[in-house]
Amino acid sequence: MYTSGHPSTRSWGTEGINAPLQQKATYSFPLKQPRRHQQQQQQQQTLGRQFDAESTHQASPTAAKLFVGQLPFETDEKRLYDLFSAYGTVEHIHILRDSQNRSKGAAFVTYSNVEEADTAIFTLHNRYKMLANRMIQVSYAKNSANISLFGACNAIAVHRMNPTNPVPDMANVTPESRVI
C-alpha cells in the first residue's frame, strides 16, 4: 500500500475503493476568466448561428453541443477528437475559423447525450491544458438542444462570474429526465 506523509492520504483498509469518503468533495470556479476566453464567448453566439445555418450535420435528438475555448491555434479536428472521445461518443467537431481559414482558438464539440457532455465539462473545464500556461474552457453552447441540470448550473455559475459568457437557452424542462 502506498502511503505518504500528506494529511489527506487515507488508508483504504479492507473496504477498498468503495469505502465511503470522510470528507466532502468541492469544486470551485476560478475567480477571473482570461480576457481571451471572454472574447471567444462573445463570438460564440454569432458564430454558432452562422455555423448552424451552413452545417449539413444532423445531430441526434439527444445530442448535446459544447463550446470549447482557449484552444491553441494549431489545434485540428483529430486532436480534439482524440481528447473528447475519451469521454463519450463525439458526433461532430467544428473548429471556428476566420475568413483566411485560420483557427480562432475555439470549437464546438457535439456529444450523443448530456451525460457524456457533462463528463467532458467536469473533467476538462479549467483543468486540462493544451498549452503549458492556459486551461481550456468547456461549457454548453448557447444553442445546445439538450442540457443537463449540472450543465445549466455550471453555465449559470460561470455567467455570474463573467457576464460575457452566455447562458444556454433552457426552454425545454423535463424534471423526470433531469434535462433542461
N, C-alpha and C. Protein backbone atom coordinates (compact mmCIF):
# COMPACT_ATOMS: atom_id res chain seq x y z
N MET A 1 0.84 -1.18 0.00
CA MET A 1 0.00 0.00 0.00
C MET A 1 0.89 1.24 0.00
N TYR A 2 0.49 2.24 -0.79
CA TYR A 2 1.23 3.49 -0.87
C TYR A 2 0.77 4.41 0.24
N THR A 3 1.71 4.97 0.97
CA THR A 3 1.38 5.97 1.98
C THR A 3 2.36 7.11 1.86
N SER A 4 1.90 8.25 2.25
CA SER A 4 2.78 9.42 2.25
C SER A 4 2.53 10.18 3.53
N GLY A 5 3.34 11.17 3.76
CA GLY A 5 3.20 11.98 4.96
C GLY A 5 2.11 13.03 4.84
N HIS A 6 1.43 13.11 3.69
CA HIS A 6 0.41 14.15 3.50
C HIS A 6 -0.83 13.82 4.33
N PRO A 7 -1.41 14.82 5.03
CA PRO A 7 -2.54 14.55 5.91
C PRO A 7 -3.79 14.08 5.19
N SER A 8 -3.93 14.35 3.87
CA SER A 8 -5.15 13.93 3.17
C SER A 8 -5.09 12.48 2.70
N THR A 9 -3.93 11.83 2.84
CA THR A 9 -3.80 10.44 2.43
C THR A 9 -4.55 9.57 3.42
N ARG A 10 -5.38 8.65 2.88
CA ARG A 10 -6.11 7.78 3.78
C ARG A 10 -5.91 6.33 3.38
N SER A 11 -5.91 5.46 4.36
CA SER A 11 -5.76 4.04 4.12
C SER A 11 -7.09 3.48 3.64
N TRP A 12 -7.07 2.64 2.61
CA TRP A 12 -8.32 2.07 2.09
C TRP A 12 -8.78 0.89 2.95
N GLY A 13 -7.89 0.26 3.66
CA GLY A 13 -8.27 -0.85 4.52
C GLY A 13 -8.88 -1.99 3.74
N THR A 14 -9.80 -2.72 4.37
CA THR A 14 -10.40 -3.89 3.73
C THR A 14 -11.57 -3.51 2.84
N GLU A 15 -12.09 -2.29 2.94
CA GLU A 15 -13.24 -1.90 2.13
C GLU A 15 -12.85 -1.52 0.71
N GLY A 16 -11.59 -1.27 0.45
CA GLY A 16 -11.13 -0.91 -0.88
C GLY A 16 -11.62 0.46 -1.31
N ILE A 17 -11.71 0.64 -2.61
CA ILE A 17 -12.08 1.96 -3.12
C ILE A 17 -13.56 2.27 -2.93
N ASN A 18 -14.36 1.29 -2.52
CA ASN A 18 -15.78 1.52 -2.29
C ASN A 18 -16.08 2.07 -0.90
N ALA A 19 -15.05 2.29 -0.12
CA ALA A 19 -15.25 2.83 1.23
C ALA A 19 -15.79 4.26 1.13
N PRO A 20 -16.72 4.62 2.03
CA PRO A 20 -17.26 5.99 1.97
C PRO A 20 -16.19 7.02 2.30
N LEU A 21 -16.27 8.14 1.63
CA LEU A 21 -15.32 9.22 1.89
C LEU A 21 -15.68 9.92 3.19
N GLN A 22 -14.69 10.35 3.92
CA GLN A 22 -14.92 11.03 5.18
C GLN A 22 -15.08 12.54 5.01
N GLN A 23 -14.67 13.05 3.87
CA GLN A 23 -14.80 14.49 3.64
C GLN A 23 -15.50 14.72 2.32
N LYS A 24 -16.24 15.83 2.23
CA LYS A 24 -16.98 16.15 1.03
C LYS A 24 -16.06 16.76 -0.01
N ALA A 25 -16.29 16.36 -1.26
CA ALA A 25 -15.53 16.94 -2.37
C ALA A 25 -16.18 18.26 -2.77
N THR A 26 -15.38 19.24 -3.09
CA THR A 26 -15.91 20.52 -3.54
C THR A 26 -15.24 20.91 -4.83
N TYR A 27 -15.94 21.73 -5.59
CA TYR A 27 -15.39 22.25 -6.84
C TYR A 27 -15.65 23.74 -6.84
N SER A 28 -14.63 24.50 -7.12
CA SER A 28 -14.82 25.94 -7.18
C SER A 28 -14.37 26.44 -8.54
N PHE A 29 -15.05 27.46 -9.00
CA PHE A 29 -14.72 28.06 -10.28
C PHE A 29 -13.66 29.12 -10.07
N PRO A 30 -12.88 29.41 -11.10
CA PRO A 30 -11.86 30.45 -10.96
C PRO A 30 -12.53 31.80 -10.75
N LEU A 31 -11.83 32.68 -10.06
CA LEU A 31 -12.39 33.99 -9.77
C LEU A 31 -12.43 34.89 -10.99
N LYS A 32 -11.55 34.68 -11.92
CA LYS A 32 -11.47 35.57 -13.06
C LYS A 32 -11.21 34.76 -14.33
N GLN A 33 -12.01 34.98 -15.36
CA GLN A 33 -11.81 34.31 -16.63
C GLN A 33 -10.78 35.08 -17.45
N PRO A 34 -9.94 34.39 -18.21
CA PRO A 34 -8.98 35.08 -19.07
C PRO A 34 -9.68 35.94 -20.10
N ARG A 35 -9.06 37.06 -20.46
CA ARG A 35 -9.66 38.00 -21.41
C ARG A 35 -9.97 37.34 -22.76
N ARG A 36 -9.06 36.50 -23.22
CA ARG A 36 -9.27 35.83 -24.50
C ARG A 36 -10.52 34.97 -24.46
N HIS A 37 -10.78 34.32 -23.34
CA HIS A 37 -11.97 33.49 -23.18
C HIS A 37 -13.22 34.35 -23.29
N GLN A 38 -13.20 35.55 -22.72
CA GLN A 38 -14.34 36.45 -22.81
C GLN A 38 -14.65 36.77 -24.26
N GLN A 39 -13.63 37.06 -25.04
CA GLN A 39 -13.83 37.39 -26.45
C GLN A 39 -14.38 36.19 -27.21
N GLN A 40 -13.88 35.00 -26.91
CA GLN A 40 -14.38 33.81 -27.59
C GLN A 40 -15.84 33.56 -27.25
N GLN A 41 -16.21 33.74 -26.00
CA GLN A 41 -17.59 33.53 -25.61
C GLN A 41 -18.52 34.53 -26.29
N GLN A 42 -18.07 35.77 -26.48
CA GLN A 42 -18.88 36.76 -27.17
C GLN A 42 -19.08 36.37 -28.63
N GLN A 43 -18.06 35.79 -29.25
CA GLN A 43 -18.16 35.37 -30.64
C GLN A 43 -19.01 34.11 -30.79
N GLN A 44 -19.13 33.33 -29.74
CA GLN A 44 -19.82 32.05 -29.79
C GLN A 44 -21.23 32.20 -30.32
N GLN A 45 -21.95 33.17 -29.84
CA GLN A 45 -23.35 33.33 -30.20
C GLN A 45 -23.52 33.54 -31.71
N THR A 46 -22.82 34.50 -32.27
CA THR A 46 -22.97 34.79 -33.70
C THR A 46 -22.35 33.71 -34.57
N LEU A 47 -21.18 33.21 -34.20
CA LEU A 47 -20.54 32.17 -34.99
C LEU A 47 -21.32 30.87 -34.94
N GLY A 48 -21.89 30.56 -33.79
CA GLY A 48 -22.69 29.34 -33.65
C GLY A 48 -23.90 29.37 -34.56
N ARG A 49 -24.60 30.50 -34.61
CA ARG A 49 -25.75 30.63 -35.50
C ARG A 49 -25.33 30.51 -36.96
N GLN A 50 -24.22 31.16 -37.31
CA GLN A 50 -23.72 31.11 -38.68
C GLN A 50 -23.37 29.67 -39.05
N PHE A 51 -22.70 28.96 -38.15
CA PHE A 51 -22.33 27.58 -38.42
C PHE A 51 -23.57 26.71 -38.56
N ASP A 52 -24.56 26.88 -37.69
CA ASP A 52 -25.76 26.06 -37.75
C ASP A 52 -26.49 26.25 -39.08
N ALA A 53 -26.50 27.47 -39.59
CA ALA A 53 -27.17 27.74 -40.86
C ALA A 53 -26.44 27.07 -42.02
N GLU A 54 -25.11 26.98 -41.95
CA GLU A 54 -24.31 26.42 -43.03
C GLU A 54 -24.14 24.91 -42.90
N SER A 55 -24.34 24.38 -41.72
CA SER A 55 -24.00 22.99 -41.44
C SER A 55 -24.94 22.00 -42.12
N THR A 56 -24.36 20.91 -42.61
CA THR A 56 -25.17 19.82 -43.16
C THR A 56 -25.24 18.68 -42.15
N HIS A 57 -24.55 18.81 -41.03
CA HIS A 57 -24.53 17.78 -40.00
C HIS A 57 -25.88 17.73 -39.29
N GLN A 58 -26.46 16.55 -39.19
CA GLN A 58 -27.74 16.38 -38.50
C GLN A 58 -27.46 15.69 -37.17
N ALA A 59 -27.64 16.41 -36.07
CA ALA A 59 -27.38 15.85 -34.74
C ALA A 59 -28.51 14.93 -34.32
N SER A 60 -28.20 13.96 -33.48
CA SER A 60 -29.22 13.07 -32.95
C SER A 60 -30.13 13.84 -32.00
N PRO A 61 -31.34 13.33 -31.73
CA PRO A 61 -32.28 14.07 -30.86
C PRO A 61 -31.79 14.25 -29.43
N THR A 62 -30.86 13.42 -28.99
CA THR A 62 -30.34 13.54 -27.62
C THR A 62 -29.00 14.26 -27.56
N ALA A 63 -28.54 14.78 -28.70
CA ALA A 63 -27.21 15.39 -28.79
C ALA A 63 -27.06 16.61 -27.88
N ALA A 64 -25.86 16.81 -27.38
CA ALA A 64 -25.51 17.96 -26.53
C ALA A 64 -24.28 18.62 -27.13
N LYS A 65 -24.39 19.93 -27.35
CA LYS A 65 -23.32 20.68 -28.02
C LYS A 65 -22.54 21.50 -27.00
N LEU A 66 -21.21 21.36 -27.04
CA LEU A 66 -20.33 22.09 -26.14
C LEU A 66 -19.53 23.14 -26.89
N PHE A 67 -19.25 24.24 -26.20
CA PHE A 67 -18.33 25.25 -26.70
C PHE A 67 -17.00 25.03 -25.99
N VAL A 68 -15.92 25.02 -26.76
CA VAL A 68 -14.58 24.81 -26.20
C VAL A 68 -13.73 26.01 -26.58
N GLY A 69 -13.20 26.71 -25.59
CA GLY A 69 -12.37 27.88 -25.83
C GLY A 69 -10.97 27.71 -25.27
N GLN A 70 -10.12 28.69 -25.54
CA GLN A 70 -8.72 28.70 -25.10
C GLN A 70 -7.91 27.59 -25.76
N LEU A 71 -8.26 27.26 -27.00
CA LEU A 71 -7.52 26.24 -27.74
C LEU A 71 -6.31 26.84 -28.44
N PRO A 72 -5.24 26.08 -28.58
CA PRO A 72 -4.12 26.56 -29.39
C PRO A 72 -4.59 26.73 -30.83
N PHE A 73 -4.07 27.72 -31.53
CA PHE A 73 -4.49 27.99 -32.89
C PHE A 73 -4.18 26.85 -33.85
N GLU A 74 -3.18 26.04 -33.52
CA GLU A 74 -2.81 24.94 -34.41
C GLU A 74 -3.60 23.66 -34.14
N THR A 75 -4.55 23.68 -33.23
CA THR A 75 -5.36 22.51 -32.92
C THR A 75 -6.19 22.11 -34.14
N ASP A 76 -6.22 20.81 -34.43
CA ASP A 76 -7.04 20.33 -35.54
C ASP A 76 -8.13 19.40 -35.02
N GLU A 77 -9.03 18.99 -35.92
CA GLU A 77 -10.16 18.15 -35.54
C GLU A 77 -9.71 16.82 -34.96
N LYS A 78 -8.65 16.24 -35.49
CA LYS A 78 -8.18 14.95 -34.98
C LYS A 78 -7.73 15.07 -33.52
N ARG A 79 -6.99 16.11 -33.21
CA ARG A 79 -6.51 16.29 -31.84
C ARG A 79 -7.69 16.48 -30.88
N LEU A 80 -8.69 17.26 -31.30
CA LEU A 80 -9.88 17.44 -30.46
C LEU A 80 -10.64 16.12 -30.33
N TYR A 81 -10.77 15.39 -31.42
CA TYR A 81 -11.47 14.12 -31.37
C TYR A 81 -10.76 13.16 -30.41
N ASP A 82 -9.46 13.08 -30.50
CA ASP A 82 -8.70 12.20 -29.61
C ASP A 82 -8.92 12.56 -28.14
N LEU A 83 -8.98 13.85 -27.84
CA LEU A 83 -9.19 14.29 -26.46
C LEU A 83 -10.62 14.04 -26.01
N PHE A 84 -11.61 14.50 -26.77
CA PHE A 84 -13.00 14.46 -26.33
C PHE A 84 -13.65 13.09 -26.46
N SER A 85 -13.17 12.23 -27.35
CA SER A 85 -13.77 10.91 -27.50
C SER A 85 -13.49 10.02 -26.29
N ALA A 86 -12.56 10.40 -25.45
CA ALA A 86 -12.30 9.64 -24.22
C ALA A 86 -13.48 9.73 -23.25
N TYR A 87 -14.38 10.69 -23.44
CA TYR A 87 -15.49 10.91 -22.51
C TYR A 87 -16.83 10.54 -23.09
N GLY A 88 -16.87 10.06 -24.33
CA GLY A 88 -18.14 9.65 -24.92
C GLY A 88 -18.09 9.65 -26.43
N THR A 89 -19.26 9.48 -27.03
CA THR A 89 -19.39 9.42 -28.48
C THR A 89 -19.46 10.82 -29.06
N VAL A 90 -18.43 11.21 -29.78
CA VAL A 90 -18.39 12.53 -30.41
C VAL A 90 -19.08 12.42 -31.77
N GLU A 91 -20.16 13.19 -31.95
CA GLU A 91 -20.89 13.17 -33.22
C GLU A 91 -20.31 14.14 -34.24
N HIS A 92 -19.81 15.27 -33.75
CA HIS A 92 -19.36 16.30 -34.69
C HIS A 92 -18.39 17.24 -33.99
N ILE A 93 -17.40 17.71 -34.73
CA ILE A 93 -16.46 18.73 -34.24
C ILE A 93 -16.37 19.82 -35.29
N HIS A 94 -16.47 21.05 -34.85
CA HIS A 94 -16.33 22.19 -35.76
C HIS A 94 -15.40 23.22 -35.12
N ILE A 95 -14.25 23.45 -35.73
CA ILE A 95 -13.32 24.48 -35.25
C ILE A 95 -13.71 25.80 -35.90
N LEU A 96 -13.85 26.84 -35.09
CA LEU A 96 -14.20 28.16 -35.61
C LEU A 96 -12.99 28.74 -36.32
N ARG A 97 -13.21 29.24 -37.54
CA ARG A 97 -12.13 29.77 -38.37
C ARG A 97 -12.50 31.14 -38.93
N ASP A 98 -11.47 31.94 -39.21
CA ASP A 98 -11.70 33.26 -39.81
C ASP A 98 -11.80 33.12 -41.33
N SER A 99 -11.91 34.25 -42.02
CA SER A 99 -12.08 34.23 -43.48
C SER A 99 -10.86 33.67 -44.22
N GLN A 100 -9.69 33.67 -43.57
CA GLN A 100 -8.49 33.08 -44.17
C GLN A 100 -8.30 31.62 -43.74
N ASN A 101 -9.33 31.03 -43.13
CA ASN A 101 -9.32 29.64 -42.67
C ASN A 101 -8.34 29.38 -41.53
N ARG A 102 -8.01 30.42 -40.75
CA ARG A 102 -7.15 30.25 -39.57
C ARG A 102 -8.05 30.02 -38.35
N SER A 103 -7.61 29.15 -37.48
CA SER A 103 -8.37 28.85 -36.27
C SER A 103 -8.50 30.09 -35.39
N LYS A 104 -9.67 30.22 -34.76
CA LYS A 104 -9.90 31.32 -33.82
C LYS A 104 -9.64 30.88 -32.38
N GLY A 105 -9.18 29.65 -32.20
CA GLY A 105 -8.88 29.16 -30.85
C GLY A 105 -10.11 28.68 -30.10
N ALA A 106 -11.17 28.33 -30.85
CA ALA A 106 -12.40 27.85 -30.23
C ALA A 106 -13.05 26.82 -31.16
N ALA A 107 -13.92 25.99 -30.57
CA ALA A 107 -14.58 24.94 -31.36
C ALA A 107 -15.90 24.56 -30.71
N PHE A 108 -16.73 23.87 -31.48
CA PHE A 108 -17.93 23.23 -30.97
C PHE A 108 -17.72 21.73 -31.06
N VAL A 109 -18.06 21.02 -29.98
CA VAL A 109 -17.97 19.56 -29.96
C VAL A 109 -19.36 19.05 -29.60
N THR A 110 -19.93 18.18 -30.43
CA THR A 110 -21.26 17.64 -30.18
C THR A 110 -21.14 16.19 -29.73
N TYR A 111 -21.71 15.91 -28.54
CA TYR A 111 -21.76 14.55 -27.99
C TYR A 111 -23.14 13.95 -28.27
N SER A 112 -23.24 12.64 -28.16
CA SER A 112 -24.51 11.98 -28.42
C SER A 112 -25.53 12.16 -27.30
N ASN A 113 -25.08 12.52 -26.09
CA ASN A 113 -26.04 12.77 -25.00
C ASN A 113 -25.41 13.67 -23.93
N VAL A 114 -26.25 14.13 -23.00
CA VAL A 114 -25.80 15.08 -21.98
C VAL A 114 -24.88 14.46 -20.94
N GLU A 115 -25.03 13.17 -20.67
CA GLU A 115 -24.16 12.54 -19.68
C GLU A 115 -22.71 12.58 -20.14
N GLU A 116 -22.48 12.30 -21.40
CA GLU A 116 -21.12 12.35 -21.94
C GLU A 116 -20.60 13.79 -21.95
N ALA A 117 -21.46 14.72 -22.32
CA ALA A 117 -21.07 16.14 -22.33
C ALA A 117 -20.72 16.60 -20.92
N ASP A 118 -21.52 16.20 -19.93
CA ASP A 118 -21.24 16.56 -18.54
C ASP A 118 -19.89 16.02 -18.08
N THR A 119 -19.59 14.79 -18.46
CA THR A 119 -18.31 14.19 -18.09
C THR A 119 -17.16 15.00 -18.66
N ALA A 120 -17.29 15.42 -19.91
CA ALA A 120 -16.23 16.23 -20.53
C ALA A 120 -16.09 17.58 -19.83
N ILE A 121 -17.22 18.23 -19.51
CA ILE A 121 -17.16 19.52 -18.82
C ILE A 121 -16.48 19.36 -17.47
N PHE A 122 -16.96 18.39 -16.69
CA PHE A 122 -16.43 18.20 -15.34
C PHE A 122 -14.95 17.86 -15.36
N THR A 123 -14.53 17.07 -16.33
CA THR A 123 -13.15 16.61 -16.39
C THR A 123 -12.19 17.64 -16.98
N LEU A 124 -12.65 18.40 -17.98
CA LEU A 124 -11.74 19.25 -18.73
C LEU A 124 -11.81 20.74 -18.42
N HIS A 125 -12.98 21.27 -18.07
CA HIS A 125 -13.14 22.72 -17.90
C HIS A 125 -12.22 23.25 -16.80
N ASN A 126 -11.35 24.17 -17.18
CA ASN A 126 -10.38 24.79 -16.26
C ASN A 126 -9.47 23.77 -15.57
N ARG A 127 -9.32 22.59 -16.16
CA ARG A 127 -8.46 21.55 -15.58
C ARG A 127 -7.44 21.01 -16.57
N TYR A 128 -7.74 21.08 -17.85
CA TYR A 128 -6.87 20.48 -18.86
C TYR A 128 -6.16 21.57 -19.65
N LYS A 129 -4.85 21.41 -19.81
CA LYS A 129 -4.04 22.38 -20.55
C LYS A 129 -3.62 21.78 -21.89
N MET A 130 -3.96 22.48 -22.97
CA MET A 130 -3.43 22.10 -24.28
C MET A 130 -2.18 22.91 -24.57
N LEU A 131 -2.05 24.03 -23.88
CA LEU A 131 -0.83 24.83 -23.88
C LEU A 131 -0.32 24.86 -22.45
N ALA A 132 0.94 25.07 -22.27
CA ALA A 132 1.55 25.00 -20.94
C ALA A 132 0.96 25.99 -19.95
N ASN A 133 0.48 27.12 -20.41
CA ASN A 133 0.04 28.16 -19.47
C ASN A 133 -1.44 28.48 -19.55
N ARG A 134 -2.24 27.66 -20.24
CA ARG A 134 -3.63 28.04 -20.44
C ARG A 134 -4.56 26.83 -20.38
N MET A 135 -5.53 26.89 -19.46
CA MET A 135 -6.53 25.83 -19.33
C MET A 135 -7.60 26.03 -20.41
N ILE A 136 -8.12 24.92 -20.95
CA ILE A 136 -9.21 25.06 -21.90
C ILE A 136 -10.50 25.32 -21.15
N GLN A 137 -11.44 25.97 -21.82
CA GLN A 137 -12.74 26.30 -21.25
C GLN A 137 -13.79 25.44 -21.96
N VAL A 138 -14.59 24.71 -21.21
CA VAL A 138 -15.58 23.82 -21.80
C VAL A 138 -16.92 24.08 -21.12
N SER A 139 -17.94 24.41 -21.91
CA SER A 139 -19.28 24.63 -21.38
C SER A 139 -20.29 24.35 -22.48
N TYR A 140 -21.57 24.23 -22.09
CA TYR A 140 -22.61 24.01 -23.09
C TYR A 140 -22.69 25.21 -24.02
N ALA A 141 -22.90 24.95 -25.30
CA ALA A 141 -23.11 26.02 -26.27
C ALA A 141 -24.47 26.65 -26.02
N LYS A 142 -24.58 27.92 -26.32
CA LYS A 142 -25.83 28.64 -26.09
C LYS A 142 -27.01 27.96 -26.77
N ASN A 143 -26.78 27.39 -27.95
CA ASN A 143 -27.88 26.80 -28.70
C ASN A 143 -27.92 25.27 -28.63
N SER A 144 -27.36 24.68 -27.59
CA SER A 144 -27.41 23.23 -27.43
C SER A 144 -28.86 22.80 -27.25
N ALA A 145 -29.27 21.76 -27.97
CA ALA A 145 -30.65 21.28 -27.90
C ALA A 145 -30.96 20.62 -26.56
N ASN A 146 -29.96 20.02 -25.93
CA ASN A 146 -30.15 19.32 -24.65
C ASN A 146 -29.09 19.76 -23.67
N ILE A 147 -29.54 20.05 -22.44
CA ILE A 147 -28.63 20.50 -21.39
C ILE A 147 -29.05 19.85 -20.08
N SER A 148 -28.10 19.30 -19.34
CA SER A 148 -28.41 18.69 -18.05
C SER A 148 -28.51 19.76 -16.97
N LEU A 149 -29.02 19.36 -15.82
CA LEU A 149 -29.07 20.28 -14.68
C LEU A 149 -27.66 20.70 -14.27
N PHE A 150 -26.73 19.74 -14.27
CA PHE A 150 -25.34 20.07 -13.96
C PHE A 150 -24.82 21.12 -14.93
N GLY A 151 -25.05 20.90 -16.23
CA GLY A 151 -24.57 21.84 -17.25
C GLY A 151 -25.19 23.21 -17.11
N ALA A 152 -26.48 23.26 -16.79
CA ALA A 152 -27.15 24.55 -16.61
C ALA A 152 -26.60 25.28 -15.40
N CYS A 153 -26.44 24.57 -14.30
CA CYS A 153 -25.89 25.19 -13.08
C CYS A 153 -24.46 25.67 -13.32
N ASN A 154 -23.68 24.87 -14.02
CA ASN A 154 -22.31 25.25 -14.34
C ASN A 154 -22.29 26.51 -15.20
N ALA A 155 -23.14 26.55 -16.23
CA ALA A 155 -23.18 27.71 -17.12
C ALA A 155 -23.62 28.97 -16.38
N ILE A 156 -24.59 28.83 -15.48
CA ILE A 156 -25.06 29.99 -14.70
C ILE A 156 -23.96 30.48 -13.77
N ALA A 157 -23.25 29.55 -13.13
CA ALA A 157 -22.15 29.95 -12.23
C ALA A 157 -21.04 30.66 -12.99
N VAL A 158 -20.70 30.16 -14.17
CA VAL A 158 -19.67 30.80 -14.99
C VAL A 158 -20.16 32.18 -15.45
N HIS A 159 -21.44 32.27 -15.82
CA HIS A 159 -22.02 33.55 -16.26
C HIS A 159 -22.02 34.57 -15.12
N ARG A 160 -22.30 34.13 -13.91
CA ARG A 160 -22.29 35.06 -12.76
C ARG A 160 -20.90 35.63 -12.51
N MET A 161 -19.88 34.81 -12.73
CA MET A 161 -18.50 35.29 -12.55
C MET A 161 -18.08 36.19 -13.70
N ASN A 162 -18.61 35.91 -14.88
CA ASN A 162 -18.24 36.67 -16.07
C ASN A 162 -19.47 36.80 -16.97
N PRO A 163 -20.20 37.92 -16.88
CA PRO A 163 -21.45 38.08 -17.62
C PRO A 163 -21.31 38.01 -19.14
N THR A 164 -20.10 38.07 -19.68
CA THR A 164 -19.95 37.93 -21.13
C THR A 164 -20.12 36.48 -21.59
N ASN A 165 -20.06 35.53 -20.66
CA ASN A 165 -20.31 34.13 -21.01
C ASN A 165 -21.82 33.93 -21.14
N PRO A 166 -22.29 33.51 -22.33
CA PRO A 166 -23.74 33.35 -22.50
C PRO A 166 -24.26 32.14 -21.74
N VAL A 167 -25.49 32.26 -21.25
CA VAL A 167 -26.17 31.14 -20.61
C VAL A 167 -26.93 30.40 -21.71
N PRO A 168 -26.82 29.09 -21.79
CA PRO A 168 -27.54 28.35 -22.84
C PRO A 168 -29.05 28.56 -22.75
N ASP A 169 -29.70 28.50 -23.91
CA ASP A 169 -31.16 28.58 -23.95
C ASP A 169 -31.69 27.36 -23.21
N MET A 170 -32.61 27.59 -22.26
CA MET A 170 -33.12 26.48 -21.44
C MET A 170 -34.64 26.43 -21.54
N ALA A 171 -35.15 26.21 -22.71
CA ALA A 171 -36.60 26.26 -22.92
C ALA A 171 -37.29 24.96 -22.54
N ASN A 172 -36.69 23.83 -22.83
CA ASN A 172 -37.34 22.54 -22.60
C ASN A 172 -36.95 21.95 -21.25
N VAL A 173 -37.85 22.02 -20.29
CA VAL A 173 -37.56 21.49 -18.96
C VAL A 173 -38.34 20.20 -18.78
N THR A 174 -37.63 19.12 -18.48
CA THR A 174 -38.27 17.85 -18.17
C THR A 174 -37.62 17.30 -16.90
N PRO A 175 -38.21 17.58 -15.73
CA PRO A 175 -37.60 17.17 -14.46
C PRO A 175 -37.36 15.66 -14.33
N GLU A 176 -38.22 14.83 -14.95
CA GLU A 176 -38.05 13.38 -14.81
C GLU A 176 -36.72 12.94 -15.40
N SER A 177 -36.36 13.49 -16.54
CA SER A 177 -35.11 13.09 -17.18
C SER A 177 -33.94 13.95 -16.75
N ARG A 178 -34.20 14.95 -15.92
CA ARG A 178 -33.19 15.87 -15.42
C ARG A 178 -32.47 16.58 -16.56
N VAL A 179 -33.19 16.81 -17.64
CA VAL A 179 -32.64 17.53 -18.79
C VAL A 179 -33.38 18.83 -18.94
N ILE A 180 -32.63 19.89 -19.15
CA ILE A 180 -33.23 21.21 -19.34
C ILE A 180 -33.18 21.53 -20.81
